[in-house]
C-alpha atoms as a PDB file:
ATOM      1  CA  MET A   1       2.841  24.385 -19.932  1.00  0.00           C
ATOM      2  CA  ALA A   2       4.238  21.579 -17.989  1.00  0.00           C
ATOM      3  CA  THR A   3       4.937  21.719 -14.380  1.00  0.00           C
ATOM      4  CA  ASN A   4       7.870  19.809 -13.243  1.00  0.00           C
ATOM      5  CA  VAL A   5       6.739  18.224  -9.614  1.00  0.00           C
ATOM      6  CA  GLN A   6       9.663  16.825  -7.525  1.00  0.00           C
ATOM      7  CA  PHE A   7       9.404  14.339  -4.391  1.00  0.00           C
ATOM      8  CA  ASP A   8      11.980  13.953  -1.828  1.00  0.00           C
ATOM      9  CA  VAL A   9      13.086  10.599  -2.239  1.00  0.00           C
ATOM     10  CA  SER A  10      16.127  10.840   0.127  1.00  0.00           C
ATOM     11  CA  GLU A  11      14.338   9.411   3.227  1.00  0.00           C
ATOM     12  CA  PRO A  12      10.771   8.492   2.429  1.00  0.00           C
ATOM     13  CA  GLN A  13       8.365   9.656   5.440  1.00  0.00           C
ATOM     14  CA  ILE A  14       6.151   6.978   6.748  1.00  0.00           C
ATOM     15  CA  HIS A  15       3.287   8.131   9.229  1.00  0.00           C
ATOM     16  CA  THR A  16       4.055   6.602  12.463  1.00  0.00           C
ATOM     17  CA  VAL A  17       3.269   7.587  16.094  1.00  0.00           C
ATOM     18  CA  SER A  18       5.132   6.612  19.261  1.00  0.00           C
ATOM     19  CA  LYS A  19       5.419   2.980  20.559  1.00  0.00           C
ATOM     20  CA  PRO A  20       2.847   1.876  23.367  1.00  0.00           C
ATOM     21  CA  ALA A  21       4.629   1.461  26.621  1.00  0.00           C
ATOM     22  CA  GLY A  22       6.543  -1.640  26.947  1.00  0.00           C
ATOM     23  CA  GLU A  23       7.331  -2.138  23.133  1.00  0.00           C
ATOM     24  CA  THR A  24      10.933  -2.647  22.417  1.00  0.00           C
ATOM     25  CA  ASP A  25      12.848  -0.409  19.967  1.00  0.00           C
ATOM     26  CA  LEU A  26      13.355  -3.049  17.175  1.00  0.00           C
ATOM     27  CA  ASP A  27      12.106  -1.800  13.793  1.00  0.00           C
ATOM     28  CA  ARG A  28       8.988  -3.240  12.938  1.00  0.00           C
ATOM     29  CA  ASP A  29       8.967  -5.430   9.943  1.00  0.00           C
ATOM     30  CA  PHE A  30       5.061  -5.884   9.250  1.00  0.00           C
ATOM     31  CA  SER A  31       5.858  -9.668   8.325  1.00  0.00           C
ATOM     32  CA  LEU A  32       2.895 -10.880  10.239  1.00  0.00           C
ATOM     33  CA  GLU A  33       0.488  -8.297   8.474  1.00  0.00           C
ATOM     34  CA  ILE A  34       2.188  -8.821   5.117  1.00  0.00           C
ATOM     35  CA  ALA A  35       1.590 -12.694   5.644  1.00  0.00           C
ATOM     36  CA  GLU A  36      -2.124 -12.241   6.541  1.00  0.00           C
ATOM     37  CA  LEU A  37      -2.545  -9.966   3.442  1.00  0.00           C
ATOM     38  CA  GLU A  38      -0.867 -12.577   0.916  1.00  0.00           C
ATOM     39  CA  ILE A  39      -3.334 -15.271   2.230  1.00  0.00           C
ATOM     40  CA  VAL A  40      -6.494 -13.210   1.921  1.00  0.00           C
ATOM     41  CA  LEU A  41      -5.327 -12.083  -1.668  1.00  0.00           C
ATOM     42  CA  GLU A  42      -4.469 -15.785  -2.487  1.00  0.00           C
ATOM     43  CA  THR A  43      -8.015 -16.689  -1.942  1.00  0.00           C
ATOM     44  CA  LYS A  44      -9.159 -13.601  -4.370  1.00  0.00           C
ATOM     45  CA  CYS A  45      -7.058 -14.671  -7.325  1.00  0.00           C
ATOM     46  CA  ASP A  46      -9.873 -17.333  -8.251  1.00  0.00           C
ATOM     47  CA  THR A  47     -12.588 -14.961  -8.091  1.00  0.00           C
ATOM     48  CA  GLU A  48     -14.319 -12.854 -10.931  1.00  0.00           C
ATOM     49  CA  LEU A  49     -13.675  -9.623  -9.314  1.00  0.00           C
ATOM     50  CA  SER A  50     -11.409  -7.276 -10.906  1.00  0.00           C
ATOM     51  CA  PHE A  51      -7.929  -6.637  -9.490  1.00  0.00           C
ATOM     52  CA  GLU A  52      -8.937  -3.336  -7.811  1.00  0.00           C
ATOM     53  CA  ALA A  53     -11.821  -4.803  -6.222  1.00  0.00           C
ATOM     54  CA  SER A  54     -10.403  -8.038  -5.086  1.00  0.00           C
ATOM     55  CA  LEU A  55      -7.532  -5.898  -3.552  1.00  0.00           C
ATOM     56  CA  ARG A  56      -9.978  -3.563  -1.937  1.00  0.00           C
ATOM     57  CA  SER A  57     -11.621  -6.459  -0.390  1.00  0.00           C
ATOM     58  CA  ALA A  58      -8.603  -8.237   0.816  1.00  0.00           C
ATOM     59  CA  LEU A  59      -7.492  -4.700   2.390  1.00  0.00           C
ATOM     60  CA  GLY A  60     -10.652  -4.154   4.003  1.00  0.00           C
ATOM     61  CA  ALA A  61     -10.783  -7.585   5.666  1.00  0.00           C
ATOM     62  CA  THR A  62      -7.127  -7.123   7.053  1.00  0.00           C
ATOM     63  CA  GLY A  63      -7.513  -3.573   8.290  1.00  0.00           C
ATOM     64  CA  ASN A  64      -5.078  -2.053   5.572  1.00  0.00           C
ATOM     65  CA  SER A  65      -5.947   0.722   3.065  1.00  0.00           C
ATOM     66  CA  TYR A  66      -5.942   1.030  -0.690  1.00  0.00           C
ATOM     67  CA  LEU A  67      -3.876   4.170  -1.976  1.00  0.00           C
ATOM     68  CA  PHE A  68      -3.850   4.669  -5.731  1.00  0.00           C
ATOM     69  CA  PRO A  69      -3.639   2.662  -8.853  1.00  0.00           C
ATOM     70  CA  PHE A  70      -0.041   2.622 -10.394  1.00  0.00           C
ATOM     71  CA  PRO A  71       0.864   2.460 -14.011  1.00  0.00           C
ATOM     72  CA  ALA A  72       1.974  -1.124 -14.686  1.00  0.00           C
ATOM     73  CA  SER A  73       4.696   0.055 -17.353  1.00  0.00           C
ATOM     74  CA  SER A  74       6.357   2.229 -14.983  1.00  0.00           C
ATOM     75  CA  PHE A  75       6.453  -0.547 -12.140  1.00  0.00           C
ATOM     76  CA  HIS A  76       9.957  -2.204 -11.914  1.00  0.00           C
ATOM     77  CA  LYS A  77       8.669  -5.602 -12.278  1.00  0.00           C
ATOM     78  CA  ARG A  78       6.580  -7.204 -15.025  1.00  0.00           C
ATOM     79  CA  ALA A  79       2.820  -6.709 -13.844  1.00  0.00           C
ATOM     80  CA  GLU A  80      -0.514  -6.448 -15.537  1.00  0.00           C
ATOM     81  CA  GLN A  81      -2.080  -4.077 -12.971  1.00  0.00           C
ATOM     82  CA  VAL A  82      -0.385  -2.594  -9.810  1.00  0.00           C
ATOM     83  CA  ALA A  83      -1.695  -0.385  -6.845  1.00  0.00           C
ATOM     84  CA  ALA A  84      -0.178   1.275  -4.008  1.00  0.00           C
ATOM     85  CA  ILE A  85      -1.271   0.194  -0.648  1.00  0.00           C
ATOM     86  CA  ARG A  86      -0.839   1.070   3.015  1.00  0.00           C
ATOM     87  CA  ILE A  87      -0.160  -1.701   5.693  1.00  0.00           C
ATOM     88  CA  ASP A  88      -1.085  -0.705   9.070  1.00  0.00           C
ATOM     89  CA  ALA A  89      -0.220  -2.185  12.633  1.00  0.00           C
ATOM     90  CA  LEU A  90      -1.174  -0.857  15.654  1.00  0.00           C
ATOM     91  CA  ASP A  91       0.378   2.682  15.743  1.00  0.00           C
ATOM     92  CA  GLU A  92       2.627   2.154  12.636  1.00  0.00           C
ATOM     93  CA  ALA A  93       2.293   2.057   9.015  1.00  0.00           C
ATOM     94  CA  THR A  94       4.185   1.271   5.797  1.00  0.00           C
ATOM     95  CA  VAL A  95       3.529   1.242   1.950  1.00  0.00           C
ATOM     96  CA  ALA A  96       3.799  -1.399  -0.305  1.00  0.00           C
ATOM     97  CA  TYR A  97       2.629  -2.293  -3.628  1.00  0.00           C
ATOM     98  CA  ALA A  98       0.382  -5.074  -4.691  1.00  0.00           C
ATOM     99  CA  TYR A  99       0.520  -6.382  -8.422  1.00  0.00           C
ATOM    100  CA  GLU A 100      -1.306  -8.764 -10.807  1.00  0.00           C
ATOM    101  CA  VAL A 101       0.579 -11.346 -12.978  1.00  0.00           C
ATOM    102  CA  THR A 102      -0.340 -14.380 -14.905  1.00  0.00           C
ATOM    103  CA  VAL A 103       1.722 -17.203 -14.473  1.00  0.00           C
ATOM    104  CA  ASP A 104       1.085 -20.324 -16.637  1.00  0.00           C
ATOM    105  CA  GLY A 105      -2.178 -19.032 -17.354  1.00  0.00           C
ATOM    106  CA  LYS A 106      -3.312 -18.440 -13.847  1.00  0.00           C
ATOM    107  CA  ARG A 107      -3.948 -15.144 -12.199  1.00  0.00           C
ATOM    108  CA  GLU A 108      -1.835 -14.258  -9.122  1.00  0.00           C
ATOM    109  CA  PHE A 109      -1.695 -11.458  -6.788  1.00  0.00           C
ATOM    110  CA  ARG A 110       1.687 -10.541  -5.194  1.00  0.00           C
ATOM    111  CA  LEU A 111       3.193  -7.652  -3.043  1.00  0.00           C
ATOM    112  CA  ALA A 112       6.251  -5.592  -3.395  1.00  0.00           C
ATOM    113  CA  THR A 113       7.271  -4.381   0.311  1.00  0.00           C
ATOM    114  CA  ALA A 114       9.100  -1.422   1.075  1.00  0.00           C
ATOM    115  CA  ASP A 115      12.506  -3.498   1.396  1.00  0.00           C
ATOM    116  CA  GLU A 116      12.003  -4.636  -2.502  1.00  0.00           C
ATOM    117  CA  LEU A 117      10.819  -1.274  -3.849  1.00  0.00           C
ATOM    118  CA  PRO A 118      13.294   1.214  -5.669  1.00  0.00           C
ATOM    119  CA  LYS A 119      13.375   4.041  -3.411  1.00  0.00           C
ATOM    120  CA  GLU A 120      11.592   6.638  -5.808  1.00  0.00           C
ATOM    121  CA  LEU A 121       8.194   4.342  -5.783  1.00  0.00           C
ATOM    122  CA  LEU A 122       8.440   4.121  -2.003  1.00  0.00           C
ATOM    123  CA  ALA A 123       8.907   7.562  -1.574  1.00  0.00           C
ATOM    124  CA  PHE A 124       6.114   8.348  -4.023  1.00  0.00           C
ATOM    125  CA  ALA A 125       3.550   6.071  -2.103  1.00  0.00           C
ATOM    126  CA  ALA A 126       4.809   7.257   1.377  1.00  0.00           C
ATOM    127  CA  ASN A 127       4.336  11.114   0.444  1.00  0.00           C
ATOM    128  CA  TYR A 128       0.901   9.995  -0.898  1.00  0.00           C
ATOM    129  CA  ALA A 129      -0.081   8.164   2.264  1.00  0.00           C
ATOM    130  CA  ALA A 130       1.400  10.739   4.571  1.00  0.00           C
ATOM    131  CA  LEU A 131      -0.991  13.289   2.516  1.00  0.00           C
ATOM    132  CA  ILE A 132      -4.053  11.133   2.915  1.00  0.00           C
ATOM    133  CA  VAL A 133      -3.285  11.127   6.716  1.00  0.00           C
ATOM    134  CA  THR A 134      -3.164  14.919   6.844  1.00  0.00           C
ATOM    135  CA  LEU A 135      -6.179  15.406   4.957  1.00  0.00           C
ATOM    136  CA  ARG A 136      -8.358  13.113   6.795  1.00  0.00           C
ATOM    137  CA  SER A 137      -7.619  14.958   9.984  1.00  0.00           C
ATOM    138  CA  LEU A 138      -8.671  17.894   8.437  1.00  0.00           C
ATOM    139  CA  VAL A 139     -11.841  16.686   6.696  1.00  0.00           C
ATOM    140  CA  PRO A 140     -15.064  16.472   8.865  1.00  0.00           C
ATOM    141  CA  ALA A 141     -16.129  13.065   9.814  1.00  0.00           C
ATOM    142  CA  LYS A 142     -19.458  13.222   8.038  1.00  0.00           C
ATOM    143  CA  ASN A 143     -17.323  13.886   4.551  1.00  0.00           C
ATOM    144  CA  SER A 144     -14.806  10.960   5.279  1.00  0.00           C
ATOM    145  CA  LYS A 145     -16.062   8.936   2.278  1.00  0.00           C
ATOM    146  CA  LEU A 146     -14.389  11.374  -0.053  1.00  0.00           C
ATOM    147  CA  MET A 147     -11.022  10.280   1.408  1.00  0.00           C
ATOM    148  CA  HIS A 148     -11.408   6.790   0.512  1.00  0.00           C
END
């Protein structure tokens, strides 16, 4: 018996909290955080680590989070491996997808950010991230390893 699960894709909900005093109302574009992650990911391409291990290492080094692997066959771009990630900056966060491609025999990691993603993929990752944030607030700190 199949269950039909639907996500609200009209307006993806990305977990944010209020801005600190003195910040402007301009929307945060996460460009610095994305650039930092791209630089670290570039150094991981030449390692023998798997895609997931490389990505988790780069995310940990930049203060961001791995969400879940995503089927490459369902991704909107040609990719060998794909994963949803959460990019954090102070009190705001956004989601993106990291993916692996091979160009001229060389492995490359790339990011598809919120403005490049189909709304369904963005909503799926944003809803998952919101669920994880909620669950982390409910799980006692000693069991927090369960949420990674």
